[in-house]
Amino acid sequence: MPANRHSVHAEIARPGYIATTGGVELFYRDWQPQGTPGNGKTIVFVPSYSLPSDMWAYQMLPLARQGFRCIAYDRRGHGRSSDPGGGYDYDTLADDLSAVIDALDLTNITLVGYSMGGAEAVRYLTRHGSARVARLALIASTLPMLAKTPDHPEGIDRAYFDAFQQDLMTDYPRWLADNARPFAGPDASQAMIDWIREMALRTSHQALFACNETVNVGDFRDELRDIDVPTLIVQGDRDVSNPLELTSQRTARLIPNARLVVYDGAPHGVFLSDAARLTADIGAFASES
């Protein structure tokens, strides 16, 4: 892991916001321990593509009540954060994560990334080092690589990504309506699905398109071998967004100290479909010495 961290600007700009490079302000929430305070454990949550920090509510609330300090933030162009019109490459997004961690002076953290957020967490570690991170949890991540290329023929064909980007350009609300149920699973209430859709619809369209392209071309096959912290990998075996055999199974083989946990019958949205189990698994992992 690199010893020299890339320098980033980071300061608390106003209550609930951290200022980072280029004047971008990132909204964050910091839920202090409500159970047994002072356990010394902090969990930092990186959200999914298209969703803000609100998505982690059903993990953060119970974990805060168990004594963990739980922090989550909105990616640029998402939720309450600035919509700067650029900076959606993995290096800049990792620097944004670094700004949050540095501004709050966090150490000994468990870093939890979901879907695209998992790749941002990995890039943070390979770009900024692991001095502040004790553990890494990758939930339904896009890692190590999604796209089909000559040296990755088992990947997803470009035509699939192009079709989604066309939907973004023409009728994203319809796409969300068609795909929300497969994302959340058959047992999710309609109200919960509506909540997820409403959050996704508030995300900057420009950020959606740019982040999608970043995910499409991401290749972490070499990078994952450099991860030097214990890693928990969680994914459902009915994930239609990031197929298990293409993502988490391969990721587990590449990261030196990784443990894969597969949720039988779970979709991509395990933070909803298996909220209690995921919360328990994150809490147990974060509690390890």
C-alpha atoms as a PDB file:
ATOM      1  CA  MET A   1       0.000   0.000   0.000  1.00  0.00           C
ATOM      2  CA  PRO A   2       1.407   3.450  -0.884  1.00  0.00           C
ATOM      3  CA  ALA A   3       3.089   5.217   1.995  1.00  0.00           C
ATOM      4  CA  ASN A   4       2.578   8.696   0.518  1.00  0.00           C
ATOM      5  CA  ARG A   5      -0.981   9.983   0.519  1.00  0.00           C
ATOM      6  CA  HIS A   6      -2.216  12.209  -2.279  1.00  0.00           C
ATOM      7  CA  SER A   7      -2.844  15.635  -0.811  1.00  0.00           C
ATOM      8  CA  VAL A   8      -6.474  16.777  -0.758  1.00  0.00           C
ATOM      9  CA  HIS A   9      -8.177  19.885   0.543  1.00  0.00           C
ATOM     10  CA  ALA A  10     -10.512  19.021   3.400  1.00  0.00           C
ATOM     11  CA  GLU A  11     -12.319  21.155   5.954  1.00  0.00           C
ATOM     12  CA  ILE A  12     -15.696  21.393   7.607  1.00  0.00           C
ATOM     13  CA  ALA A  13     -17.284  24.183   5.602  1.00  0.00           C
ATOM     14  CA  ARG A  14     -20.468  24.505   7.662  1.00  0.00           C
ATOM     15  CA  PRO A  15     -22.476  22.166   9.853  1.00  0.00           C
ATOM     16  CA  GLY A  16     -23.046  18.923   7.954  1.00  0.00           C
ATOM     17  CA  TYR A  17     -20.785  19.792   5.004  1.00  0.00           C
ATOM     18  CA  ILE A  18     -17.142  19.150   4.138  1.00  0.00           C
ATOM     19  CA  ALA A  19     -15.368  21.311   1.564  1.00  0.00           C
ATOM     20  CA  THR A  20     -13.048  19.518  -0.820  1.00  0.00           C
ATOM     21  CA  THR A  21     -11.141  20.242  -4.017  1.00  0.00           C
ATOM     22  CA  GLY A  22     -12.619  22.859  -6.350  1.00  0.00           C
ATOM     23  CA  GLY A  23     -15.071  24.200  -3.809  1.00  0.00           C
ATOM     24  CA  VAL A  24     -17.204  21.054  -3.837  1.00  0.00           C
ATOM     25  CA  GLU A  25     -19.198  20.604  -0.638  1.00  0.00           C
ATOM     26  CA  LEU A  26     -20.065  17.071   0.476  1.00  0.00           C
ATOM     27  CA  PHE A  27     -23.014  16.550   2.769  1.00  0.00           C
ATOM     28  CA  TYR A  28     -22.325  14.076   5.549  1.00  0.00           C
ATOM     29  CA  ARG A  29     -24.145  12.607   8.510  1.00  0.00           C
ATOM     30  CA  ASP A  30     -22.355  11.633  11.711  1.00  0.00           C
ATOM     31  CA  TRP A  31     -24.463   9.473  14.008  1.00  0.00           C
ATOM     32  CA  GLN A  32     -22.803   9.202  17.383  1.00  0.00           C
ATOM     33  CA  PRO A  33     -23.048   6.042  19.519  1.00  0.00           C
ATOM     34  CA  GLN A  34     -26.377   5.715  21.293  1.00  0.00           C
ATOM     35  CA  GLY A  35     -25.769   2.408  23.056  1.00  0.00           C
ATOM     36  CA  THR A  36     -22.506   1.729  24.836  1.00  0.00           C
ATOM     37  CA  PRO A  37     -20.399   4.816  24.044  1.00  0.00           C
ATOM     38  CA  GLY A  38     -16.666   4.788  23.677  1.00  0.00           C
ATOM     39  CA  ASN A  39     -16.158   1.413  22.016  1.00  0.00           C
ATOM     40  CA  GLY A  40     -13.667   3.137  19.731  1.00  0.00           C
ATOM     41  CA  LYS A  41     -15.245   1.757  16.563  1.00  0.00           C
ATOM     42  CA  THR A  42     -16.164   3.954  13.634  1.00  0.00           C
ATOM     43  CA  ILE A  43     -17.873   2.789  10.444  1.00  0.00           C
ATOM     44  CA  VAL A  44     -17.754   4.904   7.280  1.00  0.00           C
ATOM     45  CA  PHE A  45     -20.372   4.071   4.655  1.00  0.00           C
ATOM     46  CA  VAL A  46     -19.916   4.833   0.934  1.00  0.00           C
ATOM     47  CA  PRO A  47     -23.231   4.730  -0.941  1.00  0.00           C
ATOM     48  CA  SER A  48     -24.355   3.134  -4.169  1.00  0.00           C
ATOM     49  CA  TYR A  49     -24.321   4.648  -7.603  1.00  0.00           C
ATOM     50  CA  SER A  50     -27.376   6.924  -7.918  1.00  0.00           C
ATOM     51  CA  LEU A  51     -28.229   6.908  -4.192  1.00  0.00           C
ATOM     52  CA  PRO A  52     -27.311   9.268  -1.330  1.00  0.00           C
ATOM     53  CA  SER A  53     -26.255   8.433   2.205  1.00  0.00           C
ATOM     54  CA  ASP A  54     -29.912   7.936   3.207  1.00  0.00           C
ATOM     55  CA  MET A  55     -29.735   4.420   1.735  1.00  0.00           C
ATOM     56  CA  TRP A  56     -27.698   3.284   4.769  1.00  0.00           C
ATOM     57  CA  ALA A  57     -30.369   4.247   7.342  1.00  0.00           C
ATOM     58  CA  TYR A  58     -31.326   0.648   8.157  1.00  0.00           C
ATOM     59  CA  GLN A  59     -27.713  -0.222   8.917  1.00  0.00           C
ATOM     60  CA  MET A  60     -26.600   3.030  10.549  1.00  0.00           C
ATOM     61  CA  LEU A  61     -29.429   3.397  13.049  1.00  0.00           C
ATOM     62  CA  PRO A  62     -29.134  -0.037  14.686  1.00  0.00           C
ATOM     63  CA  LEU A  63     -25.328   0.074  14.598  1.00  0.00           C
ATOM     64  CA  ALA A  64     -25.269   3.517  16.251  1.00  0.00           C
ATOM     65  CA  ARG A  65     -27.589   2.168  18.935  1.00  0.00           C
ATOM     66  CA  GLN A  66     -25.094  -0.665  19.461  1.00  0.00           C
ATOM     67  CA  GLY A  67     -22.304   1.813  20.201  1.00  0.00           C
ATOM     68  CA  PHE A  68     -20.703   2.434  16.801  1.00  0.00           C
ATOM     69  CA  ARG A  69     -20.036   5.863  15.392  1.00  0.00           C
ATOM     70  CA  CYS A  70     -21.624   5.744  11.934  1.00  0.00           C
ATOM     71  CA  ILE A  71     -20.690   8.212   9.197  1.00  0.00           C
ATOM     72  CA  ALA A  72     -22.008   8.408   5.646  1.00  0.00           C
ATOM     73  CA  TYR A  73     -21.842  11.071   2.962  1.00  0.00           C
ATOM     74  CA  ASP A  74     -23.447  11.970  -0.347  1.00  0.00           C
ATOM     75  CA  ARG A  75     -21.215  11.509  -3.383  1.00  0.00           C
ATOM     76  CA  ARG A  76     -20.770  14.661  -5.477  1.00  0.00           C
ATOM     77  CA  GLY A  77     -23.810  15.134  -7.699  1.00  0.00           C
ATOM     78  CA  HIS A  78     -25.905  13.031  -5.325  1.00  0.00           C
ATOM     79  CA  GLY A  79     -28.292  13.976  -2.538  1.00  0.00           C
ATOM     80  CA  ARG A  80     -27.387  17.208  -0.763  1.00  0.00           C
ATOM     81  CA  SER A  81     -23.819  17.478  -2.077  1.00  0.00           C
ATOM     82  CA  SER A  82     -22.644  19.919  -4.740  1.00  0.00           C
ATOM     83  CA  ASP A  83     -23.339  19.204  -8.397  1.00  0.00           C
ATOM     84  CA  PRO A  84     -20.037  20.452  -9.858  1.00  0.00           C
ATOM     85  CA  GLY A  85     -20.481  19.058 -13.370  1.00  0.00           C
ATOM     86  CA  GLY A  86     -17.312  16.975 -13.247  1.00  0.00           C
ATOM     87  CA  GLY A  87     -14.917  14.944 -11.152  1.00  0.00           C
ATOM     88  CA  TYR A  88     -16.660  11.594 -11.465  1.00  0.00           C
ATOM     89  CA  ASP A  89     -13.527   9.581 -12.147  1.00  0.00           C
ATOM     90  CA  TYR A  90     -12.410   7.132  -9.453  1.00  0.00           C
ATOM     91  CA  ASP A  91      -9.356   9.157  -8.437  1.00  0.00           C
ATOM     92  CA  THR A  92     -11.405  12.272  -7.690  1.00  0.00           C
ATOM     93  CA  LEU A  93     -14.140  10.291  -5.971  1.00  0.00           C
ATOM     94  CA  ALA A  94     -11.513   8.582  -3.805  1.00  0.00           C
ATOM     95  CA  ASP A  95     -10.104  12.008  -2.963  1.00  0.00           C
ATOM     96  CA  ASP A  96     -13.601  13.086  -1.883  1.00  0.00           C
ATOM     97  CA  LEU A  97     -13.743  10.098   0.455  1.00  0.00           C
ATOM     98  CA  SER A  98     -10.314  11.067   1.763  1.00  0.00           C
ATOM     99  CA  ALA A  99     -11.595  14.589   2.412  1.00  0.00           C
ATOM    100  CA  VAL A 100     -14.395  13.213   4.596  1.00  0.00           C
ATOM    101  CA  ILE A 101     -12.050  10.947   6.544  1.00  0.00           C
ATOM    102  CA  ASP A 102      -9.403  13.649   6.980  1.00  0.00           C
ATOM    103  CA  ALA A 103     -11.763  16.494   7.885  1.00  0.00           C
ATOM    104  CA  LEU A 104     -13.311  14.379  10.647  1.00  0.00           C
ATOM    105  CA  ASP A 105      -9.861  13.021  11.613  1.00  0.00           C
ATOM    106  CA  LEU A 106     -11.094   9.427  11.591  1.00  0.00           C
ATOM    107  CA  THR A 107      -8.867   6.477  12.466  1.00  0.00           C
ATOM    108  CA  ASN A 108      -9.286   2.734  12.977  1.00  0.00           C
ATOM    109  CA  ILE A 109     -12.313   2.751  10.736  1.00  0.00           C
ATOM    110  CA  THR A 110     -14.267   0.009   9.037  1.00  0.00           C
ATOM    111  CA  LEU A 111     -14.815   1.264   5.495  1.00  0.00           C
ATOM    112  CA  VAL A 112     -18.006  -0.066   3.897  1.00  0.00           C
ATOM    113  CA  GLY A 113     -18.649   0.436   0.180  1.00  0.00           C
ATOM    114  CA  TYR A 114     -21.748  -0.644  -1.718  1.00  0.00           C
ATOM    115  CA  SER A 115     -21.763  -1.351  -5.480  1.00  0.00           C
ATOM    116  CA  MET A 116     -19.815   1.514  -7.112  1.00  0.00           C
ATOM    117  CA  GLY A 117     -18.928   2.692  -3.606  1.00  0.00           C
ATOM    118  CA  GLY A 118     -16.845  -0.440  -3.146  1.00  0.00           C
ATOM    119  CA  ALA A 119     -14.599   0.565  -6.029  1.00  0.00           C
ATOM    120  CA  GLU A 120     -14.259   4.066  -4.554  1.00  0.00           C
ATOM    121  CA  ALA A 121     -13.222   2.521  -1.231  1.00  0.00           C
ATOM    122  CA  VAL A 122     -10.591   0.359  -2.929  1.00  0.00           C
ATOM    123  CA  ARG A 123      -9.226   3.325  -4.890  1.00  0.00           C
ATOM    124  CA  TYR A 124      -9.039   5.285  -1.634  1.00  0.00           C
ATOM    125  CA  LEU A 125      -6.871   2.549  -0.114  1.00  0.00           C
ATOM    126  CA  THR A 126      -4.538   2.223  -3.097  1.00  0.00           C
ATOM    127  CA  ARG A 127      -4.294   6.002  -3.558  1.00  0.00           C
ATOM    128  CA  HIS A 128      -4.208   7.194   0.066  1.00  0.00           C
ATOM    129  CA  GLY A 129      -3.022   4.162   2.016  1.00  0.00           C
ATOM    130  CA  SER A 130      -4.556   2.216   4.888  1.00  0.00           C
ATOM    131  CA  ALA A 131      -3.207   4.166   7.867  1.00  0.00           C
ATOM    132  CA  ARG A 132      -6.725   5.251   8.855  1.00  0.00           C
ATOM    133  CA  VAL A 133      -8.539   2.051   7.843  1.00  0.00           C
ATOM    134  CA  ALA A 134      -8.621  -1.153   9.882  1.00  0.00           C
ATOM    135  CA  ARG A 135     -11.065  -3.149   7.770  1.00  0.00           C
ATOM    136  CA  LEU A 136     -12.857  -3.055   4.426  1.00  0.00           C
ATOM    137  CA  ALA A 137     -16.336  -4.356   3.625  1.00  0.00           C
ATOM    138  CA  LEU A 138     -17.435  -4.635  -0.010  1.00  0.00           C
ATOM    139  CA  ILE A 139     -21.178  -5.061  -0.457  1.00  0.00           C
ATOM    140  CA  ALA A 140     -22.514  -6.155  -3.882  1.00  0.00           C
ATOM    141  CA  SER A 141     -19.598  -4.329  -5.481  1.00  0.00           C
ATOM    142  CA  THR A 142     -18.829  -3.718  -9.146  1.00  0.00           C
ATOM    143  CA  LEU A 143     -15.322  -5.091  -8.610  1.00  0.00           C
ATOM    144  CA  PRO A 144     -13.058  -6.159 -10.143  1.00  0.00           C
ATOM    145  CA  MET A 145     -14.341  -5.340 -13.640  1.00  0.00           C
ATOM    146  CA  LEU A 146     -17.679  -5.417 -15.428  1.00  0.00           C
ATOM    147  CA  ALA A 147     -16.970  -4.677 -19.094  1.00  0.00           C
ATOM    148  CA  LYS A 148     -16.208  -7.225 -21.775  1.00  0.00           C
ATOM    149  CA  THR A 149     -12.783  -6.613 -23.360  1.00  0.00           C
ATOM    150  CA  PRO A 150     -10.368  -8.744 -25.379  1.00  0.00           C
ATOM    151  CA  ASP A 151      -8.570  -9.791 -22.189  1.00  0.00           C
ATOM    152  CA  HIS A 152     -11.843 -10.054 -20.219  1.00  0.00           C
ATOM    153  CA  PRO A 153     -14.184 -11.894 -22.623  1.00  0.00           C
ATOM    154  CA  GLU A 154     -16.508 -13.046 -19.836  1.00  0.00           C
ATOM    155  CA  GLY A 155     -17.543  -9.449 -19.070  1.00  0.00           C
ATOM    156  CA  ILE A 156     -20.745  -7.627 -19.955  1.00  0.00           C
ATOM    157  CA  ASP A 157     -21.120  -6.497 -23.554  1.00  0.00           C
ATOM    158  CA  ARG A 158     -20.936  -2.761 -24.253  1.00  0.00           C
ATOM    159  CA  ALA A 159     -24.398  -2.867 -25.828  1.00  0.00           C
ATOM    160  CA  TYR A 160     -25.916  -3.421 -22.375  1.00  0.00           C
ATOM    161  CA  PHE A 161     -24.274  -0.251 -21.029  1.00  0.00           C
ATOM    162  CA  ASP A 162     -25.270   1.704 -24.106  1.00  0.00           C
ATOM    163  CA  ALA A 163     -28.913   0.682 -23.676  1.00  0.00           C
ATOM    164  CA  PHE A 164     -28.928   1.926 -20.087  1.00  0.00           C
ATOM    165  CA  GLN A 165     -27.325   5.218 -21.083  1.00  0.00           C
ATOM    166  CA  GLN A 166     -29.998   5.639 -23.743  1.00  0.00           C
ATOM    167  CA  ASP A 167     -32.632   5.195 -21.032  1.00  0.00           C
ATOM    168  CA  LEU A 168     -30.845   7.845 -18.970  1.00  0.00           C
ATOM    169  CA  MET A 169     -31.066  10.216 -21.921  1.00  0.00           C
ATOM    170  CA  THR A 170     -34.725   9.543 -22.672  1.00  0.00           C
ATOM    171  CA  ASP A 171     -36.827   8.050 -19.838  1.00  0.00           C
ATOM    172  CA  TYR A 172     -34.933   7.297 -16.636  1.00  0.00           C
ATOM    173  CA  PRO A 173     -38.110   7.283 -14.479  1.00  0.00           C
ATOM    174  CA  ARG A 174     -39.503   4.442 -16.602  1.00  0.00           C
ATOM    175  CA  TRP A 175     -36.244   2.505 -16.300  1.00  0.00           C
ATOM    176  CA  LEU A 176     -36.380   2.875 -12.520  1.00  0.00           C
ATOM    177  CA  ALA A 177     -39.993   1.724 -12.430  1.00  0.00           C
ATOM    178  CA  ASP A 178     -39.129  -1.372 -14.466  1.00  0.00           C
ATOM    179  CA  ASN A 179     -36.037  -2.304 -12.467  1.00  0.00           C
ATOM    180  CA  ALA A 180     -36.793  -1.323  -8.872  1.00  0.00           C
ATOM    181  CA  ARG A 181     -38.438  -4.624  -7.956  1.00  0.00           C
ATOM    182  CA  PRO A 182     -35.571  -6.835  -9.225  1.00  0.00           C
ATOM    183  CA  PHE A 183     -33.196  -4.520  -7.342  1.00  0.00           C
ATOM    184  CA  ALA A 184     -35.022  -4.644  -4.003  1.00  0.00           C
ATOM    185  CA  GLY A 185     -36.374  -8.193  -4.133  1.00  0.00           C
ATOM    186  CA  PRO A 186     -39.869  -9.685  -3.982  1.00  0.00           C
ATOM    187  CA  ASP A 187     -40.425  -9.034  -0.270  1.00  0.00           C
ATOM    188  CA  ALA A 188     -39.726  -5.295  -0.262  1.00  0.00           C
ATOM    189  CA  SER A 189     -42.788  -3.151   0.369  1.00  0.00           C
ATOM    190  CA  GLN A 190     -43.993  -0.863  -2.393  1.00  0.00           C
ATOM    191  CA  ALA A 191     -43.395   2.057  -0.044  1.00  0.00           C
ATOM    192  CA  MET A 192     -39.737   1.053   0.341  1.00  0.00           C
ATOM    193  CA  ILE A 193     -39.334   0.755  -3.429  1.00  0.00           C
ATOM    194  CA  ASP A 194     -40.934   4.181  -3.884  1.00  0.00           C
ATOM    195  CA  TRP A 195     -38.469   5.626  -1.354  1.00  0.00           C
ATOM    196  CA  ILE A 196     -35.491   4.249  -3.287  1.00  0.00           C
ATOM    197  CA  ARG A 197     -36.857   5.501  -6.603  1.00  0.00           C
ATOM    198  CA  GLU A 198     -37.468   8.985  -5.218  1.00  0.00           C
ATOM    199  CA  MET A 199     -33.869   9.243  -4.003  1.00  0.00           C
ATOM    200  CA  ALA A 200     -32.486   8.046  -7.334  1.00  0.00           C
ATOM    201  CA  LEU A 201     -34.636  10.540  -9.229  1.00  0.00           C
ATOM    202  CA  ARG A 202     -33.105  13.426  -7.259  1.00  0.00           C
ATOM    203  CA  THR A 203     -29.584  12.547  -8.417  1.00  0.00           C
ATOM    204  CA  SER A 204     -27.975  14.822 -11.004  1.00  0.00           C
ATOM    205  CA  HIS A 205     -28.499  13.385 -14.467  1.00  0.00           C
ATOM    206  CA  GLN A 206     -25.024  14.489 -15.459  1.00  0.00           C
ATOM    207  CA  ALA A 207     -23.575  12.644 -12.454  1.00  0.00           C
ATOM    208  CA  LEU A 208     -25.602   9.549 -13.311  1.00  0.00           C
ATOM    209  CA  PHE A 209     -24.234   9.436 -16.846  1.00  0.00           C
ATOM    210  CA  ALA A 210     -20.626  10.198 -15.879  1.00  0.00           C
ATOM    211  CA  CYS A 211     -20.561   7.758 -12.960  1.00  0.00           C
ATOM    212  CA  ASN A 212     -22.058   5.040 -15.131  1.00  0.00           C
ATOM    213  CA  GLU A 213     -19.269   5.483 -17.640  1.00  0.00           C
ATOM    214  CA  THR A 214     -16.707   5.369 -14.809  1.00  0.00           C
ATOM    215  CA  VAL A 215     -18.139   2.056 -13.606  1.00  0.00           C
ATOM    216  CA  ASN A 216     -18.245   0.667 -17.134  1.00  0.00           C
ATOM    217  CA  VAL A 217     -14.540   1.194 -17.781  1.00  0.00           C
ATOM    218  CA  GLY A 218     -13.270   0.424 -14.286  1.00  0.00           C
ATOM    219  CA  ASP A 219     -10.592  -2.275 -14.045  1.00  0.00           C
ATOM    220  CA  PHE A 220      -9.329  -3.152 -10.558  1.00  0.00           C
ATOM    221  CA  ARG A 221      -7.885  -6.588 -11.298  1.00  0.00           C
ATOM    222  CA  ASP A 222      -4.325  -5.582 -10.424  1.00  0.00           C
ATOM    223  CA  GLU A 223      -5.271  -3.069  -7.741  1.00  0.00           C
ATOM    224  CA  LEU A 224      -7.140  -5.564  -5.576  1.00  0.00           C
ATOM    225  CA  ARG A 225      -3.952  -7.529  -4.966  1.00  0.00           C
ATOM    226  CA  ASP A 226      -2.562  -4.510  -3.074  1.00  0.00           C
ATOM    227  CA  ILE A 227      -5.316  -4.382  -0.445  1.00  0.00           C
ATOM    228  CA  ASP A 228      -3.632  -4.988   2.911  1.00  0.00           C
ATOM    229  CA  VAL A 229      -6.535  -4.888   5.381  1.00  0.00           C
ATOM    230  CA  PRO A 230      -8.961  -7.686   6.312  1.00  0.00           C
ATOM    231  CA  THR A 231     -11.853  -7.619   3.852  1.00  0.00           C
ATOM    232  CA  LEU A 232     -15.433  -8.851   4.109  1.00  0.00           C
ATOM    233  CA  ILE A 233     -17.262  -9.370   0.809  1.00  0.00           C
ATOM    234  CA  VAL A 234     -21.052  -9.760   0.775  1.00  0.00           C
ATOM    235  CA  GLN A 235     -23.313 -10.398  -2.206  1.00  0.00           C
ATOM    236  CA  GLY A 236     -26.592 -12.070  -3.081  1.00  0.00           C
ATOM    237  CA  ASP A 237     -26.596 -14.978  -5.496  1.00  0.00           C
ATOM    238  CA  ARG A 238     -29.529 -13.445  -7.429  1.00  0.00           C
ATOM    239  CA  ASP A 239     -27.847 -10.131  -8.109  1.00  0.00           C
ATOM    240  CA  VAL A 240     -28.802  -9.263 -11.692  1.00  0.00           C
ATOM    241  CA  SER A 241     -26.875  -5.967 -11.648  1.00  0.00           C
ATOM    242  CA  ASN A 242     -23.455  -7.352 -10.710  1.00  0.00           C
ATOM    243  CA  PRO A 243     -23.464 -11.120 -11.269  1.00  0.00           C
ATOM    244  CA  LEU A 244     -21.842 -12.958  -8.364  1.00  0.00           C
ATOM    245  CA  GLU A 245     -19.497 -15.064 -10.483  1.00  0.00           C
ATOM    246  CA  LEU A 246     -18.267 -11.979 -12.382  1.00  0.00           C
ATOM    247  CA  THR A 247     -17.744  -9.761  -9.343  1.00  0.00           C
ATOM    248  CA  SER A 248     -17.502 -10.896  -5.724  1.00  0.00           C
ATOM    249  CA  GLN A 249     -16.242 -14.414  -6.380  1.00  0.00           C
ATOM    250  CA  ARG A 250     -13.364 -13.023  -8.412  1.00  0.00           C
ATOM    251  CA  THR A 251     -12.740 -10.190  -5.985  1.00  0.00           C
ATOM    252  CA  ALA A 252     -12.411 -12.670  -3.126  1.00  0.00           C
ATOM    253  CA  ARG A 253      -9.727 -14.535  -5.045  1.00  0.00           C
ATOM    254  CA  LEU A 254      -7.729 -11.365  -5.749  1.00  0.00           C
ATOM    255  CA  ILE A 255      -7.689  -9.697  -2.313  1.00  0.00           C
ATOM    256  CA  PRO A 256      -5.137 -11.446  -0.069  1.00  0.00           C
ATOM    257  CA  ASN A 257      -7.123 -11.454   3.201  1.00  0.00           C
ATOM    258  CA  ALA A 258     -10.731 -11.650   2.053  1.00  0.00           C
ATOM    259  CA  ARG A 259     -13.795 -13.567   3.208  1.00  0.00           C
ATOM    260  CA  LEU A 260     -16.819 -13.986   0.923  1.00  0.00           C
ATOM    261  CA  VAL A 261     -20.323 -14.351   2.357  1.00  0.00           C
ATOM    262  CA  VAL A 262     -23.083 -15.189  -0.130  1.00  0.00           C
ATOM    263  CA  TYR A 263     -26.723 -14.469   0.744  1.00  0.00           C
ATOM    264  CA  ASP A 264     -28.900 -17.184  -0.784  1.00  0.00           C
ATOM    265  CA  GLY A 265     -31.744 -15.784  -2.859  1.00  0.00           C
ATOM    266  CA  ALA A 266     -30.739 -12.158  -2.297  1.00  0.00           C
ATOM    267  CA  PRO A 267     -30.841  -9.494  -5.054  1.00  0.00           C
ATOM    268  CA  HIS A 268     -28.478  -6.595  -5.623  1.00  0.00           C
ATOM    269  CA  GLY A 269     -30.193  -4.458  -2.992  1.00  0.00           C
ATOM    270  CA  VAL A 270     -29.114  -6.538   0.010  1.00  0.00           C
ATOM    271  CA  PHE A 271     -29.174  -3.441   2.227  1.00  0.00           C
ATOM    272  CA  LEU A 272     -32.968  -3.644   1.849  1.00  0.00           C
ATOM    273  CA  SER A 273     -33.756  -7.300   1.216  1.00  0.00           C
ATOM    274  CA  ASP A 274     -31.467  -8.584   3.992  1.00  0.00           C
ATOM    275  CA  ALA A 275     -31.130  -5.449   6.097  1.00  0.00           C
ATOM    276  CA  ALA A 276     -30.952  -7.119   9.506  1.00  0.00           C
ATOM    277  CA  ARG A 277     -28.485  -9.782   8.401  1.00  0.00           C
ATOM    278  CA  LEU A 278     -26.249  -7.269   6.649  1.00  0.00           C
ATOM    279  CA  THR A 279     -26.306  -5.011   9.707  1.00  0.00           C
ATOM    280  CA  ALA A 280     -25.303  -7.918  11.946  1.00  0.00           C
ATOM    281  CA  ASP A 281     -22.507  -8.978   9.588  1.00  0.00           C
ATOM    282  CA  ILE A 282     -21.096  -5.443   9.364  1.00  0.00           C
ATOM    283  CA  GLY A 283     -21.297  -5.012  13.140  1.00  0.00           C
ATOM    284  CA  ALA A 284     -19.563  -8.316  13.831  1.00  0.00           C
ATOM    285  CA  PHE A 285     -16.846  -7.553  11.285  1.00  0.00           C
ATOM    286  CA  ALA A 286     -16.282  -4.032  12.647  1.00  0.00           C
ATOM    287  CA  SER A 287     -15.965  -5.487  16.166  1.00  0.00           C
ATOM    288  CA  GLU A 288     -13.114  -7.811  15.247  1.00  0.00           C
ATOM    289  CA  SER A 289      -9.768  -6.958  16.784  1.00  0.00           C
END
